[in-house]
């Protein structure tokens, strides 16, 4: 039962002035003993100093503070113990179990899914000399009521595709038509992300978001700029370029030249739309001719250090040459690089480059079981999920196999392991569940990283689960429902889902990033109709390249 019921603010100011008058400040008063907080609990769960407790009921918050010495509960003023965000010291003192324990009940109902900081400061109060300041973080529960009216799943998929497509259509660079690197990046456009954006155009036409003629006009702008304005390095594009001038923008200090991986993502998109725009009009013929010219001038074989090695290199710069020194080896997102390099009608590479450079003569195999699922290739637990997306936006993994793996099995296994890891939640992150999952490269509260089960920052990216729709349709649909209906008021905006969120820290990214938005549109469409897979796999040069490398499909 309650021993006292006292609202500390402002009544305790009066208690302090009366109950403690002439106390320890008087000459000859006993010196306050040095003391510290021995333990701090919220609703019975202990939290370490600077620690965090998630999922706190916002309607009922009781703090139990145990000190190292006996306390005087009347000796407490306004900012000795308090909570931020307008709570202050609006507490009620409850019955305590002993003379060293202070039990406080917060009076206001807190906001849902908000991080509050609970301060126990240093200084002289409670009859003690507290020698340390302590801060504890509490995150209130998420309001899990639906934020939007429920709609049919097909309608929801349409909505997500249309909103996400708007990033590439409405927010495209006004001169080049290419995709800006991220929301707010100005003139900085991305070659790989633009490849993804290009692939969304057939989806938008088929879904009625834009007309075919609108798509034609945009692609005339894009392909004309890439062919005639954009700087290339032995035919390859830089990771970033200026959307107005076409000049390369350094991605890092020595990375101011060609980026073969980003170029491959761009070429994958261009070859896909070359198949789609097959009309007899002069404009569609011009699009096809531009794409062919761009495709045929990429010197894939140059990126083996001009034939010196049986491996493709990620970067080359006229200023730094091969200083980046990053061979493209599997397993990661780079399979499409080798497929296109082998398929090139002008600068192809041999099968030996694929076998020894990419597959490392089979050492990219894994074969270990995680959560009851065998992973054919790559690092343990599969790595970030974009490995299962970027190369397979056009390259159809269904029935695709070679000497090293069945690629449908690889991508399904990778996706299921990622799902099972988040469901099991061994790191104890708030919110992870069978409905809230997906680890890949994305923004995080303090920067950007490639999240995975072995690099888990507690940050979920919607693109991870949503771009896995072909591989995990039920699990991805459950995630879509959660992202849209439960988190949508914070997560869903003008250009679809924002990049990421971290429920441990009640943090939602404000960003949209091209390389995360594009696969959502594309892989949802591949799940629904297989459109982009069908288009890319119609390319006779690609099919010849796959056969050359020993693929069956």
Protein backbone atom coordinates (compact mmCIF):
# COMPACT_ATOMS: atom_id res chain seq x y z
CA UNK A 1 0.00 0.00 0.00
CA UNK A 2 1.03 3.62 -0.38
CA UNK A 3 2.97 5.06 2.56
CA UNK A 4 2.84 8.59 1.24
CA UNK A 5 1.19 10.19 -1.71
CA UNK A 6 3.13 13.34 -2.50
CA UNK A 7 3.34 15.19 -5.79
CA UNK A 8 6.98 16.25 -5.73
CA UNK A 9 6.60 19.20 -8.07
CA UNK A 10 6.07 21.75 -6.68
CA UNK A 11 5.02 20.46 -3.21
CA UNK A 12 8.40 18.96 -2.33
CA UNK A 13 9.94 22.41 -2.58
CA UNK A 14 7.85 23.28 0.43
CA UNK A 15 8.80 20.05 2.18
CA UNK A 16 12.44 20.82 1.59
CA UNK A 17 12.20 24.33 3.00
CA UNK A 18 10.22 23.20 6.08
CA UNK A 19 11.29 19.64 6.87
CA UNK A 20 14.95 20.33 6.28
CA UNK A 21 15.17 23.85 7.71
CA UNK A 22 18.14 24.22 10.01
CA UNK A 23 19.27 20.73 9.04
CA UNK A 24 22.62 19.80 7.59
CA UNK A 25 23.42 23.39 6.65
CA UNK A 26 23.60 24.43 10.33
CA UNK A 27 26.98 24.74 12.00
CA UNK A 28 28.01 21.50 13.61
CA UNK A 29 25.49 19.42 11.64
CA UNK A 30 26.50 15.84 10.93
CA UNK A 31 28.25 15.51 7.60
CA UNK A 32 26.22 13.80 4.88
CA UNK A 33 27.63 10.35 4.09
CA UNK A 34 28.94 9.71 0.59
CA UNK A 35 26.60 7.39 -1.25
CA UNK A 36 25.70 6.04 -4.68
CA UNK A 37 22.88 4.25 -6.47
CA UNK A 38 23.15 0.51 -5.95
CA UNK A 39 20.33 -0.43 -8.31
CA UNK A 40 17.63 1.12 -10.41
CA UNK A 41 14.51 -0.66 -11.67
CA UNK A 42 11.49 0.23 -13.75
CA UNK A 43 8.39 -1.85 -13.09
CA UNK A 44 10.57 -4.50 -11.47
CA UNK A 45 13.20 -4.75 -14.23
CA UNK A 46 16.67 -3.56 -13.30
CA UNK A 47 18.54 -1.20 -15.65
CA UNK A 48 22.26 -0.40 -15.53
CA UNK A 49 23.47 3.17 -15.57
CA UNK A 50 23.24 4.40 -19.18
CA UNK A 51 21.20 1.29 -19.92
CA UNK A 52 17.91 1.06 -21.76
CA UNK A 53 14.63 -0.72 -21.10
CA UNK A 54 12.27 -1.21 -24.04
CA UNK A 55 8.55 -1.91 -24.06
CA UNK A 56 7.59 0.01 -20.92
CA UNK A 57 3.85 0.41 -20.36
CA UNK A 58 3.31 4.17 -20.82
CA UNK A 59 0.30 4.15 -18.48
CA UNK A 60 2.11 2.67 -15.46
CA UNK A 61 5.73 3.48 -14.64
CA UNK A 62 7.22 2.85 -11.21
CA UNK A 63 10.90 3.47 -10.49
CA UNK A 64 12.62 1.71 -7.58
CA UNK A 65 15.98 3.23 -6.58
CA UNK A 66 18.16 1.52 -4.01
CA UNK A 67 20.92 3.65 -2.45
CA UNK A 68 24.02 2.52 -0.61
CA UNK A 69 22.97 4.37 2.59
CA UNK A 70 19.75 5.18 4.43
CA UNK A 71 17.80 8.05 2.87
CA UNK A 72 15.63 10.93 4.06
CA UNK A 73 12.70 11.10 1.61
CA UNK A 74 11.78 14.62 2.70
CA UNK A 75 15.13 15.98 1.52
CA UNK A 76 14.41 16.15 -2.22
CA UNK A 77 14.15 19.16 -4.52
CA UNK A 78 13.08 19.89 -8.05
CA UNK A 79 15.97 18.67 -10.20
CA UNK A 80 17.55 16.01 -8.01
CA UNK A 81 15.59 13.18 -9.63
CA UNK A 82 13.61 13.93 -12.77
CA UNK A 83 12.48 12.70 -16.21
CA UNK A 84 12.83 14.67 -19.44
CA UNK A 85 10.19 15.51 -22.09
CA UNK A 86 7.99 17.49 -19.75
CA UNK A 87 7.61 14.91 -16.99
CA UNK A 88 9.99 16.64 -14.60
CA UNK A 89 9.58 15.35 -11.05
CA UNK A 90 5.85 14.80 -11.19
CA UNK A 91 6.04 11.66 -9.04
CA UNK A 92 4.17 10.06 -6.20
CA UNK A 93 6.31 8.50 -3.44
CA UNK A 94 5.12 4.96 -2.71
CA UNK A 95 5.68 2.61 0.22
CA UNK A 96 9.30 1.46 0.28
CA UNK A 97 10.55 -1.93 1.52
CA UNK A 98 13.41 -0.50 3.56
CA UNK A 99 15.22 2.69 4.58
CA UNK A 100 17.59 2.70 1.58
CA UNK A 101 14.95 2.44 -1.11
CA UNK A 102 12.99 5.17 -2.87
CA UNK A 103 9.91 4.09 -4.86
CA UNK A 104 8.46 6.66 -7.27
CA UNK A 105 5.41 6.37 -9.48
CA UNK A 106 5.27 8.67 -12.50
CA UNK A 107 1.99 10.53 -12.52
CA UNK A 108 1.55 11.51 -16.18
CA UNK A 109 0.67 8.94 -18.85
CA UNK A 110 3.68 8.84 -21.16
CA UNK A 111 3.60 9.00 -24.95
CA UNK A 112 3.71 5.72 -26.83
CA UNK A 113 6.99 4.55 -28.38
CA UNK A 114 9.07 7.41 -27.02
CA UNK A 115 12.48 7.36 -25.37
CA UNK A 116 12.55 9.03 -21.94
CA UNK A 117 15.66 9.76 -19.90
CA UNK A 118 15.39 9.22 -16.14
CA UNK A 119 18.04 11.19 -14.24
CA UNK A 120 19.34 10.56 -10.72
CA UNK A 121 21.81 13.40 -10.32
CA UNK A 122 24.82 13.77 -8.09
CA UNK A 123 24.79 16.26 -5.21
CA UNK A 124 23.47 16.68 -1.68
CA UNK A 125 19.92 15.46 -1.17
CA UNK A 126 18.01 12.57 0.46
CA UNK A 127 20.31 13.19 3.44
CA UNK A 128 23.23 11.94 1.37
CA UNK A 129 26.08 13.19 -0.75
CA UNK A 130 25.45 11.38 -4.03
CA UNK A 131 28.84 11.06 -5.69
CA UNK A 132 27.70 9.97 -9.17
CA UNK A 133 25.13 11.04 -11.73
CA UNK A 134 23.06 8.28 -13.30
CA UNK A 135 20.91 8.24 -16.43
CA UNK A 136 18.50 5.50 -17.44
CA UNK A 137 16.63 5.22 -20.74
CA UNK A 138 13.13 3.87 -20.98
CA UNK A 139 11.32 3.30 -24.27
CA UNK A 140 7.56 3.05 -24.03
CA UNK A 141 5.55 0.42 -25.84
CA UNK A 142 4.59 0.74 -29.47
CA UNK A 143 0.95 1.47 -30.16
CA UNK A 144 0.12 -1.60 -32.25
CA UNK A 145 -3.30 -0.51 -33.41
CA UNK A 146 -3.65 -0.09 -37.22
CA UNK A 147 -2.71 3.39 -38.41
CA UNK A 148 -4.43 3.11 -41.79
CA UNK A 149 -7.66 1.43 -42.96
CA UNK A 150 -7.13 -2.16 -44.09
CA UNK A 151 -7.12 -2.69 -47.84
CA UNK A 152 -6.84 -5.74 -50.10
CA UNK A 153 -3.29 -7.13 -50.37
CA UNK A 154 -3.17 -6.58 -54.12
CA UNK A 155 -4.21 -2.98 -53.60
CA UNK A 156 -1.56 -2.62 -50.92
CA UNK A 157 1.14 -3.98 -53.24
CA UNK A 158 0.02 -1.52 -55.92
CA UNK A 159 0.17 1.33 -53.43
CA UNK A 160 3.69 0.43 -52.29
CA UNK A 161 4.97 0.05 -55.84
CA UNK A 162 3.42 3.32 -56.99
CA UNK A 163 4.64 5.37 -54.04
CA UNK A 164 8.14 3.89 -54.24
CA UNK A 165 8.29 4.41 -58.01
CA UNK A 166 7.64 8.11 -57.38
CA UNK A 167 11.15 8.37 -55.92
CA UNK A 168 12.58 7.59 -59.37
CA UNK A 169 9.97 9.50 -61.33
CA UNK A 170 9.07 12.64 -59.38
CA UNK A 171 12.40 12.98 -57.59
CA UNK A 172 14.66 12.13 -60.54
CA UNK A 173 17.36 14.62 -61.44
CA UNK A 174 15.74 17.28 -63.63
CA UNK A 175 18.55 17.35 -66.23
CA UNK A 176 19.69 13.75 -66.63
CA UNK A 177 16.60 11.92 -65.41
CA UNK A 178 18.90 9.70 -63.34
CA UNK A 179 18.20 8.68 -59.75
CA UNK A 180 19.53 10.87 -56.99
CA UNK A 181 21.68 8.96 -54.54
CA UNK A 182 19.32 9.71 -51.68
CA UNK A 183 16.68 12.22 -50.71
CA UNK A 184 18.45 15.57 -50.41
CA UNK A 185 21.55 14.66 -52.44
CA UNK A 186 21.03 17.44 -54.98
CA UNK A 187 23.13 16.96 -58.12
CA UNK A 188 24.67 13.69 -56.90
CA UNK A 189 23.15 10.81 -58.84
CA UNK A 190 23.97 7.13 -58.58
CA UNK A 191 24.84 4.86 -61.50
CA UNK A 192 23.75 1.59 -59.87
CA UNK A 193 20.65 3.11 -58.27
CA UNK A 194 19.76 4.60 -61.65
CA UNK A 195 19.92 1.12 -63.13
CA UNK A 196 17.36 0.05 -60.56
CA UNK A 197 15.24 3.10 -61.29
CA UNK A 198 15.34 2.40 -65.02
CA UNK A 199 13.94 -1.08 -64.34
CA UNK A 200 10.95 0.40 -62.51
CA UNK A 201 9.74 2.15 -65.68
CA UNK A 202 8.26 -0.97 -67.36
CA UNK A 203 6.54 -1.79 -64.05
CA UNK A 204 5.05 1.69 -63.89
CA UNK A 205 3.77 1.44 -67.46
CA UNK A 206 2.24 -2.00 -66.95
CA UNK A 207 0.63 -0.89 -63.68
CA UNK A 208 -0.73 2.32 -65.20
CA UNK A 209 1.31 4.73 -63.11
CA UNK A 210 2.64 6.42 -66.26
CA UNK A 211 1.99 6.05 -69.99
CA UNK A 212 4.33 4.25 -72.37
CA UNK A 213 5.07 7.56 -74.11
CA UNK A 214 6.04 9.15 -70.80
CA UNK A 215 8.42 6.26 -70.23
CA UNK A 216 9.87 6.67 -73.70
CA UNK A 217 10.55 10.37 -73.18
CA UNK A 218 12.26 9.76 -69.83
CA UNK A 219 14.46 7.03 -71.29
CA UNK A 220 15.44 9.20 -74.23
CA UNK A 221 16.71 11.72 -71.68
CA UNK A 222 18.48 9.12 -69.53
CA UNK A 223 20.13 7.13 -72.31
CA UNK A 224 21.13 10.27 -74.20
CA UNK A 225 22.79 11.67 -71.09
CA UNK A 226 24.59 8.40 -70.30
CA UNK A 227 25.84 8.06 -73.85
CA UNK A 228 26.81 11.63 -74.61
CA UNK A 229 27.36 13.49 -71.33
CA UNK A 230 28.35 11.11 -68.54
CA UNK A 231 32.05 10.52 -67.95
CA UNK A 232 33.23 6.92 -68.33
CA UNK A 233 36.45 5.06 -67.57
CA UNK A 234 37.13 2.34 -70.12
CA UNK A 235 33.38 2.36 -70.63
CA UNK A 236 32.48 2.02 -66.94
CA UNK A 237 30.68 4.68 -64.94
CA UNK A 238 31.64 6.08 -61.56
CA UNK A 239 29.59 5.21 -58.51
CA UNK A 240 28.38 8.80 -58.27
CA UNK A 241 28.18 11.41 -60.98
CA UNK A 242 26.90 14.92 -61.35
CA UNK A 243 23.39 14.78 -62.72
CA UNK A 244 23.78 18.11 -64.51
CA UNK A 245 27.25 17.75 -66.04
CA UNK A 246 27.94 14.01 -66.06
CA UNK A 247 31.29 14.45 -64.31
CA UNK A 248 32.40 11.78 -61.88
CA UNK A 249 31.96 12.59 -58.19
CA UNK A 250 34.48 10.74 -55.98
CA UNK A 251 32.88 8.09 -53.79
CA UNK A 252 35.99 8.06 -51.62
CA UNK A 253 39.46 9.59 -51.82
CA UNK A 254 40.87 7.10 -54.35
CA UNK A 255 37.53 6.11 -55.91
CA UNK A 256 37.06 8.75 -58.58
CA UNK A 257 36.98 6.51 -61.63
CA UNK A 258 35.11 3.49 -62.93
CA UNK A 259 33.05 1.31 -60.60
CA UNK A 260 32.40 -1.98 -62.37
CA UNK A 261 29.82 -3.28 -59.92
CA UNK A 262 27.68 -0.16 -60.07
CA UNK A 263 28.10 -0.17 -63.85
CA UNK A 264 26.82 -3.76 -63.96
CA UNK A 265 23.68 -2.75 -62.05
CA UNK A 266 23.17 0.06 -64.55
CA UNK A 267 23.69 -2.21 -67.57
CA UNK A 268 21.33 -4.82 -66.10
CA UNK A 269 18.63 -2.16 -66.04
CA UNK A 270 19.41 -0.86 -69.51
CA UNK A 271 19.36 -4.31 -71.12
CA UNK A 272 16.04 -5.02 -69.43
CA UNK A 273 14.34 -1.93 -70.84
CA UNK A 274 15.95 -2.49 -74.26
CA UNK A 275 13.84 -5.64 -74.43
CA UNK A 276 10.72 -3.84 -73.24
CA UNK A 277 10.85 -0.91 -75.65
CA UNK A 278 10.66 -3.03 -78.76
CA UNK A 279 8.34 -0.79 -80.77
CA UNK A 280 8.87 0.38 -84.33
CA UNK A 281 8.81 4.11 -83.57
CA UNK A 282 11.94 6.17 -84.09
CA UNK A 283 12.03 7.08 -80.39
CA UNK A 284 12.00 3.46 -79.23
CA UNK A 285 14.63 2.59 -81.84
CA UNK A 286 16.79 5.45 -80.53
CA UNK A 287 16.48 4.10 -76.97
CA UNK A 288 17.61 0.68 -78.15
CA UNK A 289 20.50 2.12 -80.16
CA UNK A 290 21.67 4.26 -77.23
CA UNK A 291 21.58 1.29 -74.88
CA UNK A 292 23.48 -0.90 -77.31
CA UNK A 293 26.19 1.74 -77.68
CA UNK A 294 26.49 2.12 -73.89
CA UNK A 295 26.61 -1.66 -73.39
CA UNK A 296 29.16 -2.32 -76.09
CA UNK A 297 31.67 0.29 -74.92
CA UNK A 298 32.09 -1.15 -71.39
CA UNK A 299 35.56 -2.71 -71.35
CA UNK A 300 34.88 -5.57 -68.95
CA UNK A 301 38.14 -7.29 -69.83
CA UNK A 302 40.12 -4.15 -68.92
CA UNK A 303 38.99 -4.64 -65.32
CA UNK A 304 41.08 -7.83 -65.09
CA UNK A 305 44.00 -5.38 -64.86
CA UNK A 306 43.99 -5.39 -68.63
CA UNK A 307 44.21 -9.17 -68.84
CA UNK A 308 46.89 -9.61 -66.19
CA UNK A 309 44.70 -11.59 -63.74
CA UNK A 310 41.82 -14.06 -63.76
CA UNK A 311 39.58 -11.87 -61.61
CA UNK A 312 37.57 -8.71 -62.21
CA UNK A 313 38.42 -5.63 -60.19
CA UNK A 314 35.82 -3.31 -58.74
CA UNK A 315 37.57 0.03 -59.45
CA UNK A 316 39.94 1.75 -61.82
CA UNK A 317 40.90 5.43 -61.77
CA UNK A 318 43.03 7.45 -64.20
CA UNK A 319 44.60 9.14 -61.15
CA UNK A 320 44.99 6.16 -58.81
CA UNK A 321 44.80 3.25 -61.27
CA UNK A 322 44.23 0.02 -59.29
CA UNK A 323 44.98 1.50 -55.86
CA UNK A 324 41.53 0.56 -54.49
CA UNK A 325 42.62 -3.07 -55.06
CA UNK A 326 39.22 -4.69 -54.59
CA UNK A 327 38.79 -7.91 -56.57
CA UNK A 328 35.15 -8.91 -57.07
CA UNK A 329 34.99 -12.34 -55.46
CA UNK A 330 31.96 -14.36 -54.41
CA UNK A 331 29.72 -14.70 -52.60
CA UNK A 332 28.19 -11.22 -52.55
CA UNK A 333 26.11 -8.96 -54.80
CA UNK A 334 28.53 -9.22 -57.72
CA UNK A 335 27.33 -12.24 -59.71
CA UNK A 336 25.74 -9.98 -62.33
CA UNK A 337 29.18 -8.43 -63.00
CA UNK A 338 30.56 -11.75 -64.18
CA UNK A 339 27.45 -12.68 -66.13
CA UNK A 340 27.57 -9.41 -68.06
CA UNK A 341 31.34 -9.56 -68.51
CA UNK A 342 31.03 -13.02 -70.05
CA UNK A 343 28.08 -11.84 -72.19
CA UNK A 344 29.74 -8.75 -73.62
CA UNK A 345 29.82 -8.77 -77.44
CA UNK A 346 32.86 -6.46 -77.46
CA UNK A 347 35.05 -6.92 -74.35
CA UNK A 348 34.22 -10.35 -72.89
CA UNK A 349 36.04 -12.35 -70.22
CA UNK A 350 36.68 -16.09 -70.26
CA UNK A 351 35.10 -18.73 -68.06
CA UNK A 352 38.42 -19.05 -66.19
CA UNK A 353 37.92 -15.53 -64.82
CA UNK A 354 34.55 -16.63 -63.40
CA UNK A 355 35.79 -19.91 -61.95
CA UNK A 356 39.00 -18.72 -60.33
CA UNK A 357 38.11 -15.06 -59.79
CA UNK A 358 34.48 -15.11 -58.67
CA UNK A 359 33.91 -18.69 -57.48
CA UNK A 360 37.49 -19.08 -56.24
CA UNK A 361 37.43 -22.63 -57.58
CA UNK A 362 34.54 -23.48 -55.29
CA UNK A 363 35.74 -21.93 -52.05
CA UNK A 364 32.73 -19.60 -52.00
CA UNK A 365 30.62 -22.65 -51.04
CA UNK A 366 29.28 -22.89 -47.51
CA UNK A 367 26.90 -25.84 -46.97
CA UNK A 368 26.33 -25.17 -43.26
CA UNK A 369 22.88 -25.32 -41.69
CA UNK A 370 21.50 -22.29 -39.84
CA UNK A 371 18.11 -22.43 -38.11
CA UNK A 372 17.48 -25.71 -39.91
CA UNK A 373 18.19 -24.19 -43.34
CA UNK A 374 21.23 -25.17 -45.41
CA UNK A 375 23.07 -22.23 -46.97
CA UNK A 376 24.80 -23.20 -50.24
CA UNK A 377 27.10 -20.20 -50.66
CA UNK A 378 28.76 -17.34 -48.87
CA UNK A 379 29.51 -16.32 -45.34
CA UNK A 380 27.76 -17.79 -42.32
CA UNK A 381 24.12 -16.72 -41.97
CA UNK A 382 24.21 -15.33 -45.52
CA UNK A 383 25.29 -11.73 -45.04
CA UNK A 384 23.08 -8.72 -45.82
CA UNK A 385 19.98 -9.51 -47.86
CA UNK A 386 20.90 -7.31 -50.81
CA UNK A 387 23.11 -10.23 -51.92
CA UNK A 388 19.85 -11.98 -52.87
CA UNK A 389 18.44 -8.91 -54.64
CA UNK A 390 20.83 -6.77 -56.67
CA UNK A 391 22.11 -9.39 -59.12
CA UNK A 392 18.68 -10.96 -59.40
CA UNK A 393 16.57 -7.97 -60.32
CA UNK A 394 16.83 -9.12 -63.94
CA UNK A 395 18.79 -12.37 -63.71
CA UNK A 396 16.10 -14.97 -63.04
CA UNK A 397 17.20 -17.34 -60.25
CA UNK A 398 14.36 -19.79 -60.87
CA UNK A 399 15.90 -22.98 -62.24
CA UNK A 400 19.27 -21.21 -62.49
CA UNK A 401 22.23 -23.37 -61.48
CA UNK A 402 25.87 -24.03 -62.26
CA UNK A 403 28.73 -26.07 -60.85
CA UNK A 404 28.55 -24.18 -57.56
CA UNK A 405 24.91 -23.78 -56.56
CA UNK A 406 21.25 -23.74 -57.37
CA UNK A 407 20.58 -20.00 -57.16
CA UNK A 408 16.92 -20.25 -56.28
CA UNK A 409 17.88 -22.46 -53.35
CA UNK A 410 20.63 -20.01 -52.42
CA UNK A 411 18.33 -16.98 -52.32
CA UNK A 412 15.43 -18.73 -50.62
CA UNK A 413 17.77 -20.14 -47.97
CA UNK A 414 19.46 -16.79 -47.41
CA UNK A 415 16.11 -15.04 -46.99
CA UNK A 416 14.71 -17.68 -44.63
CA UNK A 417 17.83 -17.62 -42.46
CA UNK A 418 17.57 -13.84 -42.20
CA UNK A 419 13.90 -14.18 -41.24
CA UNK A 420 14.55 -16.94 -38.71
CA UNK A 421 17.37 -14.97 -37.12
CA UNK A 422 15.15 -11.93 -36.59
CA UNK A 423 12.34 -14.13 -35.31
CA UNK A 424 14.68 -15.83 -32.80
CA UNK A 425 16.21 -12.45 -31.93
CA UNK A 426 19.30 -13.73 -30.11
CA UNK A 427 20.56 -10.17 -29.54
CA UNK A 428 17.31 -9.17 -27.80
CA UNK A 429 16.47 -6.19 -29.99
CA UNK A 430 13.14 -4.55 -29.30
CA UNK A 431 10.49 -5.30 -31.91
CA UNK A 432 12.18 -8.09 -33.85
CA UNK A 433 9.59 -10.76 -34.61
CA UNK A 434 8.11 -12.91 -37.34
CA UNK A 435 6.36 -9.74 -38.52
CA UNK A 436 9.27 -7.32 -38.13
CA UNK A 437 12.40 -8.56 -39.84
CA UNK A 438 14.95 -7.82 -42.56
CA UNK A 439 18.67 -7.03 -42.24
CA UNK A 440 20.57 -5.40 -45.10
CA UNK A 441 22.63 -2.32 -45.92
CA UNK A 442 20.84 0.85 -44.83
CA UNK A 443 21.01 3.97 -42.73
CA UNK A 444 21.40 3.38 -39.00
CA UNK A 445 21.03 5.91 -36.15
CA UNK A 446 24.73 6.78 -36.26
CA UNK A 447 25.53 6.36 -39.94
CA UNK A 448 25.28 3.58 -42.51
CA UNK A 449 26.21 -0.10 -42.43
CA UNK A 450 25.53 -3.47 -44.03
CA UNK A 451 23.35 -5.13 -41.38
CA UNK A 452 23.26 -8.91 -41.18
CA UNK A 453 22.95 -11.58 -38.49
CA UNK A 454 26.68 -11.18 -37.86
CA UNK A 455 26.53 -7.37 -37.90
CA UNK A 456 23.24 -6.64 -36.19
CA UNK A 457 22.78 -3.04 -35.06
CA UNK A 458 19.10 -3.48 -34.24
CA UNK A 459 18.09 -1.68 -37.45
CA UNK A 460 15.44 -3.08 -39.78
CA UNK A 461 15.22 -1.93 -43.42
CA UNK A 462 11.87 -2.47 -45.19
CA UNK A 463 13.69 -3.17 -48.46
CA UNK A 464 15.18 -6.34 -46.98
CA UNK A 465 11.88 -8.15 -46.39
CA UNK A 466 9.92 -6.53 -49.22
CA UNK A 467 12.54 -7.21 -51.89
CA UNK A 468 12.53 -10.84 -50.72
CA UNK A 469 8.88 -11.33 -51.74
CA UNK A 470 9.73 -13.92 -54.44
CA UNK A 471 11.66 -16.03 -51.92
CA UNK A 472 9.56 -15.65 -48.76
CA UNK A 473 6.08 -14.53 -49.88
CA UNK A 474 4.23 -15.27 -46.63
CA UNK A 475 6.92 -13.83 -44.37
CA UNK A 476 7.31 -10.77 -46.61
CA UNK A 477 3.56 -10.13 -46.65
CA UNK A 478 3.45 -10.30 -42.85
CA UNK A 479 6.30 -7.78 -42.73
CA UNK A 480 4.52 -5.52 -45.22
CA UNK A 481 1.41 -5.54 -43.05
CA UNK A 482 3.43 -4.62 -39.98
CA UNK A 483 5.48 -1.91 -41.70
CA UNK A 484 2.40 -0.31 -43.24
CA UNK A 485 -0.42 -0.77 -40.75
CA UNK A 486 1.47 -0.64 -37.43
CA UNK A 487 4.50 1.54 -38.20
CA UNK A 488 3.16 3.35 -41.24
CA UNK A 489 2.40 6.65 -39.55
CA UNK A 490 6.15 6.96 -38.90
CA UNK A 491 7.55 4.87 -41.75
CA UNK A 492 5.45 5.37 -44.89
CA UNK A 493 5.77 8.64 -46.78
CA UNK A 494 5.67 10.36 -50.16
CA UNK A 495 8.17 7.94 -51.72
CA UNK A 496 7.06 4.75 -50.02
CA UNK A 497 8.79 3.30 -47.00
CA UNK A 498 11.58 5.33 -45.48
CA UNK A 499 14.91 3.63 -45.42
CA UNK A 500 15.05 2.01 -42.00
CA UNK A 501 14.15 2.08 -38.31
CA UNK A 502 15.59 1.04 -34.97
CA UNK A 503 12.99 0.30 -32.31
CA UNK A 504 15.63 -0.05 -29.59
CA UNK A 505 16.22 3.65 -29.98
CA UNK A 506 12.72 4.70 -31.12
CA UNK A 507 14.41 5.94 -34.30
CA UNK A 508 13.01 6.18 -37.82
CA UNK A 509 15.14 7.29 -40.75
CA UNK A 510 13.96 10.34 -42.66
CA UNK A 511 15.87 9.14 -45.72
CA UNK A 512 15.01 7.43 -48.97
CA UNK A 513 17.95 5.79 -50.79
CA UNK A 514 17.85 4.79 -54.46
CA UNK A 515 19.52 1.40 -54.07
CA UNK A 516 17.01 0.44 -51.37
CA UNK A 517 13.88 1.82 -53.04
CA UNK A 518 14.45 0.26 -56.46
CA UNK A 519 14.50 -3.41 -55.48
CA UNK A 520 11.17 -3.00 -53.65
CA UNK A 521 9.35 -2.10 -56.88
CA UNK A 522 11.25 -4.62 -58.99
CA UNK A 523 11.16 -7.67 -56.76
CA UNK A 524 7.51 -7.20 -55.82
CA UNK A 525 6.79 -7.19 -59.56
CA UNK A 526 8.92 -10.29 -60.10
CA UNK A 527 6.90 -11.93 -57.34
CA UNK A 528 3.63 -10.86 -58.94
CA UNK A 529 4.32 -11.37 -62.65
CA UNK A 530 8.02 -12.12 -63.21
CA UNK A 531 8.09 -9.16 -65.62
CA UNK A 532 11.71 -8.02 -65.15
CA UNK A 533 13.02 -11.58 -65.09
CA UNK A 534 11.23 -12.33 -68.35
CA UNK A 535 12.58 -9.22 -70.05
CA UNK A 536 16.20 -9.59 -69.00
CA UNK A 537 16.28 -13.29 -69.82
CA UNK A 538 15.08 -12.57 -73.37
CA UNK A 539 18.48 -11.06 -74.13
CA UNK A 540 20.33 -13.44 -76.44
CA UNK A 541 23.75 -12.06 -75.48
CA UNK A 542 23.04 -12.73 -71.80
CA UNK A 543 21.83 -16.25 -72.51
CA UNK A 544 25.00 -16.93 -74.49
CA UNK A 545 27.09 -15.59 -71.62
CA UNK A 546 25.31 -17.82 -69.11
CA UNK A 547 25.90 -20.84 -71.32
CA UNK A 548 29.56 -19.87 -71.66
CA UNK A 549 29.92 -19.87 -67.86
CA UNK A 550 28.26 -23.28 -67.54
CA UNK A 551 24.88 -22.17 -66.23
CA UNK A 552 21.69 -24.11 -66.74
CA UNK A 553 18.39 -22.23 -66.68
